[in-house]
Amino acid sequence: MNFLIINNLQDDFSIFLRLLVIIVLAGFLGWERERAGKAAGLRTHILVGIGSVLFVVLGESFVMRYREFHGTMQFDPIRIVEAVVTGISFLGAGIIFVAREQGKVRGLTTAASIWTTSAVGMVVGLERYVLAVGSTLIIFIVLRFVMLWEIKGNIKANEE
């Protein structure tokens, strides 16, 4: 019995570590969106990341807990990924607005940042920390610096 409690505590600490990692990574991306003046910022990105980690952990827990029922009960971890992607896509769709009179689409990049933050959360849930940190840095570079290149390109185009 004590072994089971110790094992559960170790699992819980491992999950808690994953949550701390995604809070930092998703918070970094959310901070960038907030600095850019977007509605979905720090809290939204952190919550999306936490949710993604927890859904991956939940899937792992179901598979491990009910593995003895392998022949009678099926668990497909890919279904959890599909459900998370669908849910986050729905959330992202609510952020996108079309201003027809201006001919502009707004919120698309923020929706994409929420979507990719969810993917980073799933990667953290799988304890692939190097991939998660590297992906976060790439996403941040795209959000922050590609925008600067676009702005610089627009200024040059307007000057000509």
C-alpha atoms as a PDB file:
ATOM      1  CA  MET A   1       0.000   0.000   0.000  1.00  0.00           C
ATOM      2  CA  ASN A   2       2.784   2.457   0.890  1.00  0.00           C
ATOM      3  CA  PHE A   3       4.496   1.686  -2.429  1.00  0.00           C
ATOM      4  CA  LEU A   4       1.332   2.669  -4.273  1.00  0.00           C
ATOM      5  CA  ILE A   5       1.124   5.983  -2.383  1.00  0.00           C
ATOM      6  CA  ILE A   6       4.805   6.763  -3.044  1.00  0.00           C
ATOM      7  CA  ASN A   7       4.402   5.822  -6.699  1.00  0.00           C
ATOM      8  CA  ASN A   8       1.327   8.071  -7.021  1.00  0.00           C
ATOM      9  CA  LEU A   9       3.194  10.944  -5.354  1.00  0.00           C
ATOM     10  CA  GLN A  10       6.089  10.532  -7.794  1.00  0.00           C
ATOM     11  CA  ASP A  11       3.621  10.558 -10.680  1.00  0.00           C
ATOM     12  CA  ASP A  12       1.910  13.643  -9.283  1.00  0.00           C
ATOM     13  CA  PHE A  13       5.226  15.473  -8.903  1.00  0.00           C
ATOM     14  CA  SER A  14       6.126  14.528 -12.481  1.00  0.00           C
ATOM     15  CA  ILE A  15       2.799  15.937 -13.678  1.00  0.00           C
ATOM     16  CA  PHE A  16       3.262  19.047 -11.558  1.00  0.00           C
ATOM     17  CA  LEU A  17       6.690  19.581 -13.154  1.00  0.00           C
ATOM     18  CA  ARG A  18       5.062  19.377 -16.587  1.00  0.00           C
ATOM     19  CA  LEU A  19       2.523  21.981 -15.504  1.00  0.00           C
ATOM     20  CA  LEU A  20       5.269  24.321 -14.284  1.00  0.00           C
ATOM     21  CA  VAL A  21       7.146  23.929 -17.569  1.00  0.00           C
ATOM     22  CA  ILE A  22       4.073  24.717 -19.673  1.00  0.00           C
ATOM     23  CA  ILE A  23       3.196  27.705 -17.480  1.00  0.00           C
ATOM     24  CA  VAL A  24       6.593  29.197 -18.341  1.00  0.00           C
ATOM     25  CA  LEU A  25       6.504  28.290 -22.051  1.00  0.00           C
ATOM     26  CA  ALA A  26       2.863  29.182 -22.698  1.00  0.00           C
ATOM     27  CA  GLY A  27       3.255  32.267 -20.522  1.00  0.00           C
ATOM     28  CA  PHE A  28       6.149  33.392 -22.703  1.00  0.00           C
ATOM     29  CA  LEU A  29       3.988  33.104 -25.826  1.00  0.00           C
ATOM     30  CA  GLY A  30       1.006  34.720 -24.108  1.00  0.00           C
ATOM     31  CA  TRP A  31       3.212  37.566 -22.914  1.00  0.00           C
ATOM     32  CA  GLU A  32       4.268  38.202 -26.519  1.00  0.00           C
ATOM     33  CA  ARG A  33       0.623  38.343 -27.648  1.00  0.00           C
ATOM     34  CA  GLU A  34      -0.224  40.697 -24.799  1.00  0.00           C
ATOM     35  CA  ARG A  35       2.717  42.951 -25.677  1.00  0.00           C
ATOM     36  CA  ALA A  36       1.379  43.025 -29.234  1.00  0.00           C
ATOM     37  CA  GLY A  37      -1.958  44.266 -27.829  1.00  0.00           C
ATOM     38  CA  LYS A  38      -3.950  41.110 -28.598  1.00  0.00           C
ATOM     39  CA  ALA A  39      -6.980  40.025 -26.601  1.00  0.00           C
ATOM     40  CA  ALA A  40      -5.818  36.439 -26.079  1.00  0.00           C
ATOM     41  CA  GLY A  41      -2.716  36.940 -24.001  1.00  0.00           C
ATOM     42  CA  LEU A  42      -0.982  35.555 -20.970  1.00  0.00           C
ATOM     43  CA  ARG A  43      -3.873  33.877 -19.148  1.00  0.00           C
ATOM     44  CA  THR A  44      -5.411  32.387 -22.279  1.00  0.00           C
ATOM     45  CA  HIS A  45      -2.157  30.868 -23.492  1.00  0.00           C
ATOM     46  CA  ILE A  46      -1.285  29.494 -20.060  1.00  0.00           C
ATOM     47  CA  LEU A  47      -4.722  27.918 -19.650  1.00  0.00           C
ATOM     48  CA  VAL A  48      -4.585  26.392 -23.140  1.00  0.00           C
ATOM     49  CA  GLY A  49      -1.154  24.952 -22.367  1.00  0.00           C
ATOM     50  CA  ILE A  50      -2.206  23.576 -18.991  1.00  0.00           C
ATOM     51  CA  GLY A  51      -5.311  22.004 -20.492  1.00  0.00           C
ATOM     52  CA  SER A  52      -3.278  20.345 -23.232  1.00  0.00           C
ATOM     53  CA  VAL A  53      -0.790  18.895 -20.731  1.00  0.00           C
ATOM     54  CA  LEU A  54      -3.605  17.606 -18.535  1.00  0.00           C
ATOM     55  CA  PHE A  55      -5.422  15.946 -21.442  1.00  0.00           C
ATOM     56  CA  VAL A  56      -2.231  14.140 -22.475  1.00  0.00           C
ATOM     57  CA  VAL A  57      -1.628  13.054 -18.869  1.00  0.00           C
ATOM     58  CA  LEU A  58      -5.246  11.946 -18.586  1.00  0.00           C
ATOM     59  CA  GLY A  59      -4.835   9.807 -21.700  1.00  0.00           C
ATOM     60  CA  GLU A  60      -1.655   8.249 -20.317  1.00  0.00           C
ATOM     61  CA  SER A  61      -3.400   7.569 -17.015  1.00  0.00           C
ATOM     62  CA  PHE A  62      -6.322   5.819 -18.687  1.00  0.00           C
ATOM     63  CA  VAL A  63      -4.029   3.636 -20.759  1.00  0.00           C
ATOM     64  CA  MET A  64      -1.923   2.675 -17.722  1.00  0.00           C
ATOM     65  CA  ARG A  65      -4.828   2.159 -15.347  1.00  0.00           C
ATOM     66  CA  TYR A  66      -6.898  -0.022 -17.656  1.00  0.00           C
ATOM     67  CA  ARG A  67      -4.143  -1.836 -19.580  1.00  0.00           C
ATOM     68  CA  GLU A  68      -5.301  -5.198 -18.208  1.00  0.00           C
ATOM     69  CA  PHE A  69      -8.551  -4.723 -20.136  1.00  0.00           C
ATOM     70  CA  HIS A  70      -6.630  -4.437 -23.418  1.00  0.00           C
ATOM     71  CA  GLY A  71      -8.713  -7.138 -25.127  1.00  0.00           C
ATOM     72  CA  THR A  72     -12.095  -5.824 -24.013  1.00  0.00           C
ATOM     73  CA  MET A  73     -11.519  -2.082 -23.853  1.00  0.00           C
ATOM     74  CA  GLN A  74      -9.753   0.024 -26.447  1.00  0.00           C
ATOM     75  CA  PHE A  75      -7.753   3.160 -25.732  1.00  0.00           C
ATOM     76  CA  ASP A  76      -6.401   5.221 -28.564  1.00  0.00           C
ATOM     77  CA  PRO A  77      -4.245   8.126 -27.347  1.00  0.00           C
ATOM     78  CA  ILE A  78      -4.536   9.728 -30.782  1.00  0.00           C
ATOM     79  CA  ARG A  79      -8.206  10.383 -30.044  1.00  0.00           C
ATOM     80  CA  ILE A  80      -7.165  12.657 -27.182  1.00  0.00           C
ATOM     81  CA  VAL A  81      -4.895  14.603 -29.529  1.00  0.00           C
ATOM     82  CA  GLU A  82      -7.759  14.868 -32.023  1.00  0.00           C
ATOM     83  CA  ALA A  83     -10.140  16.100 -29.322  1.00  0.00           C
ATOM     84  CA  VAL A  84      -7.676  18.714 -28.072  1.00  0.00           C
ATOM     85  CA  VAL A  85      -6.976  19.973 -31.594  1.00  0.00           C
ATOM     86  CA  THR A  86     -10.710  20.171 -32.335  1.00  0.00           C
ATOM     87  CA  GLY A  87     -11.436  22.035 -29.103  1.00  0.00           C
ATOM     88  CA  ILE A  88      -8.581  24.475 -29.571  1.00  0.00           C
ATOM     89  CA  SER A  89      -9.586  25.028 -33.192  1.00  0.00           C
ATOM     90  CA  PHE A  90     -13.069  25.946 -31.996  1.00  0.00           C
ATOM     91  CA  LEU A  91     -11.572  28.368 -29.464  1.00  0.00           C
ATOM     92  CA  GLY A  92      -9.313  29.855 -32.137  1.00  0.00           C
ATOM     93  CA  ALA A  93     -12.220  30.292 -34.534  1.00  0.00           C
ATOM     94  CA  GLY A  94     -13.895  32.512 -31.954  1.00  0.00           C
ATOM     95  CA  ILE A  95     -10.900  34.855 -32.029  1.00  0.00           C
ATOM     96  CA  ILE A  96     -10.900  35.411 -35.789  1.00  0.00           C
ATOM     97  CA  PHE A  97     -12.910  38.353 -37.096  1.00  0.00           C
ATOM     98  CA  VAL A  98     -13.430  39.503 -40.641  1.00  0.00           C
ATOM     99  CA  ALA A  99     -13.755  43.258 -41.178  1.00  0.00           C
ATOM    100  CA  ARG A 100     -15.410  43.204 -44.594  1.00  0.00           C
ATOM    101  CA  GLU A 101     -15.543  46.971 -44.953  1.00  0.00           C
ATOM    102  CA  GLN A 102     -11.764  47.124 -44.467  1.00  0.00           C
ATOM    103  CA  GLY A 103     -11.063  43.913 -46.343  1.00  0.00           C
ATOM    104  CA  LYS A 104      -9.041  42.573 -43.392  1.00  0.00           C
ATOM    105  CA  VAL A 105      -8.991  39.455 -41.271  1.00  0.00           C
ATOM    106  CA  ARG A 106      -8.119  40.002 -37.619  1.00  0.00           C
ATOM    107  CA  GLY A 107      -7.073  37.527 -34.953  1.00  0.00           C
ATOM    108  CA  LEU A 108      -5.727  34.864 -37.281  1.00  0.00           C
ATOM    109  CA  THR A 109      -2.182  34.982 -35.904  1.00  0.00           C
ATOM    110  CA  THR A 110      -3.408  34.942 -32.306  1.00  0.00           C
ATOM    111  CA  ALA A 111      -5.645  31.956 -33.092  1.00  0.00           C
ATOM    112  CA  ALA A 112      -2.625  30.217 -34.610  1.00  0.00           C
ATOM    113  CA  SER A 113      -0.540  31.041 -31.528  1.00  0.00           C
ATOM    114  CA  ILE A 114      -3.193  29.448 -29.304  1.00  0.00           C
ATOM    115  CA  TRP A 115      -3.239  26.399 -31.568  1.00  0.00           C
ATOM    116  CA  THR A 116       0.560  26.035 -31.478  1.00  0.00           C
ATOM    117  CA  THR A 117       0.620  26.658 -27.714  1.00  0.00           C
ATOM    118  CA  SER A 118      -1.707  23.699 -27.372  1.00  0.00           C
ATOM    119  CA  ALA A 119       0.707  21.582 -29.401  1.00  0.00           C
ATOM    120  CA  VAL A 120       3.568  22.676 -27.134  1.00  0.00           C
ATOM    121  CA  GLY A 121       1.401  21.663 -24.167  1.00  0.00           C
ATOM    122  CA  MET A 122       0.910  18.200 -25.626  1.00  0.00           C
ATOM    123  CA  VAL A 123       4.661  17.901 -26.207  1.00  0.00           C
ATOM    124  CA  VAL A 124       5.297  18.890 -22.574  1.00  0.00           C
ATOM    125  CA  GLY A 125       2.655  16.369 -21.519  1.00  0.00           C
ATOM    126  CA  LEU A 126       4.778  13.720 -23.237  1.00  0.00           C
ATOM    127  CA  GLU A 127       7.838  15.044 -21.341  1.00  0.00           C
ATOM    128  CA  ARG A 128       9.670  16.098 -24.507  1.00  0.00           C
ATOM    129  CA  TYR A 129      11.119  19.216 -22.892  1.00  0.00           C
ATOM    130  CA  VAL A 130      13.850  20.042 -25.418  1.00  0.00           C
ATOM    131  CA  LEU A 131      11.345  19.860 -28.263  1.00  0.00           C
ATOM    132  CA  ALA A 132       8.902  21.997 -26.252  1.00  0.00           C
ATOM    133  CA  VAL A 133      11.458  24.712 -25.493  1.00  0.00           C
ATOM    134  CA  GLY A 134      12.776  24.719 -29.059  1.00  0.00           C
ATOM    135  CA  SER A 135       9.268  24.908 -30.500  1.00  0.00           C
ATOM    136  CA  THR A 136       8.376  27.747 -28.150  1.00  0.00           C
ATOM    137  CA  LEU A 137      11.415  29.722 -29.277  1.00  0.00           C
ATOM    138  CA  ILE A 138      10.553  29.156 -32.932  1.00  0.00           C
ATOM    139  CA  ILE A 139       6.935  30.225 -32.351  1.00  0.00           C
ATOM    140  CA  PHE A 140       8.131  33.320 -30.467  1.00  0.00           C
ATOM    141  CA  ILE A 141      10.523  34.249 -33.296  1.00  0.00           C
ATOM    142  CA  VAL A 142       7.727  33.885 -35.826  1.00  0.00           C
ATOM    143  CA  LEU A 143       5.332  35.978 -33.735  1.00  0.00           C
ATOM    144  CA  ARG A 144       7.781  38.721 -32.845  1.00  0.00           C
ATOM    145  CA  PHE A 145      10.332  39.013 -35.628  1.00  0.00           C
ATOM    146  CA  VAL A 146       8.463  37.925 -38.732  1.00  0.00           C
ATOM    147  CA  MET A 147       6.003  40.705 -37.922  1.00  0.00           C
ATOM    148  CA  LEU A 148       8.893  43.174 -37.907  1.00  0.00           C
ATOM    149  CA  TRP A 149      10.002  41.922 -41.327  1.00  0.00           C
ATOM    150  CA  GLU A 150       6.435  42.316 -42.590  1.00  0.00           C
ATOM    151  CA  ILE A 151       6.241  45.870 -41.244  1.00  0.00           C
ATOM    152  CA  LYS A 152       9.597  46.752 -42.785  1.00  0.00           C
ATOM    153  CA  GLY A 153       8.447  45.250 -46.110  1.00  0.00           C
ATOM    154  CA  ASN A 154       5.213  47.300 -46.013  1.00  0.00           C
ATOM    155  CA  ILE A 155       7.137  50.523 -45.375  1.00  0.00           C
ATOM    156  CA  LYS A 156       9.381  49.872 -48.365  1.00  0.00           C
ATOM    157  CA  ALA A 157       6.390  48.977 -50.531  1.00  0.00           C
ATOM    158  CA  ASN A 158       4.629  52.208 -49.526  1.00  0.00           C
ATOM    159  CA  GLU A 159       7.729  54.314 -50.262  1.00  0.00           C
ATOM    160  CA  GLU A 160       7.940  53.104 -53.858  1.00  0.00           C
END
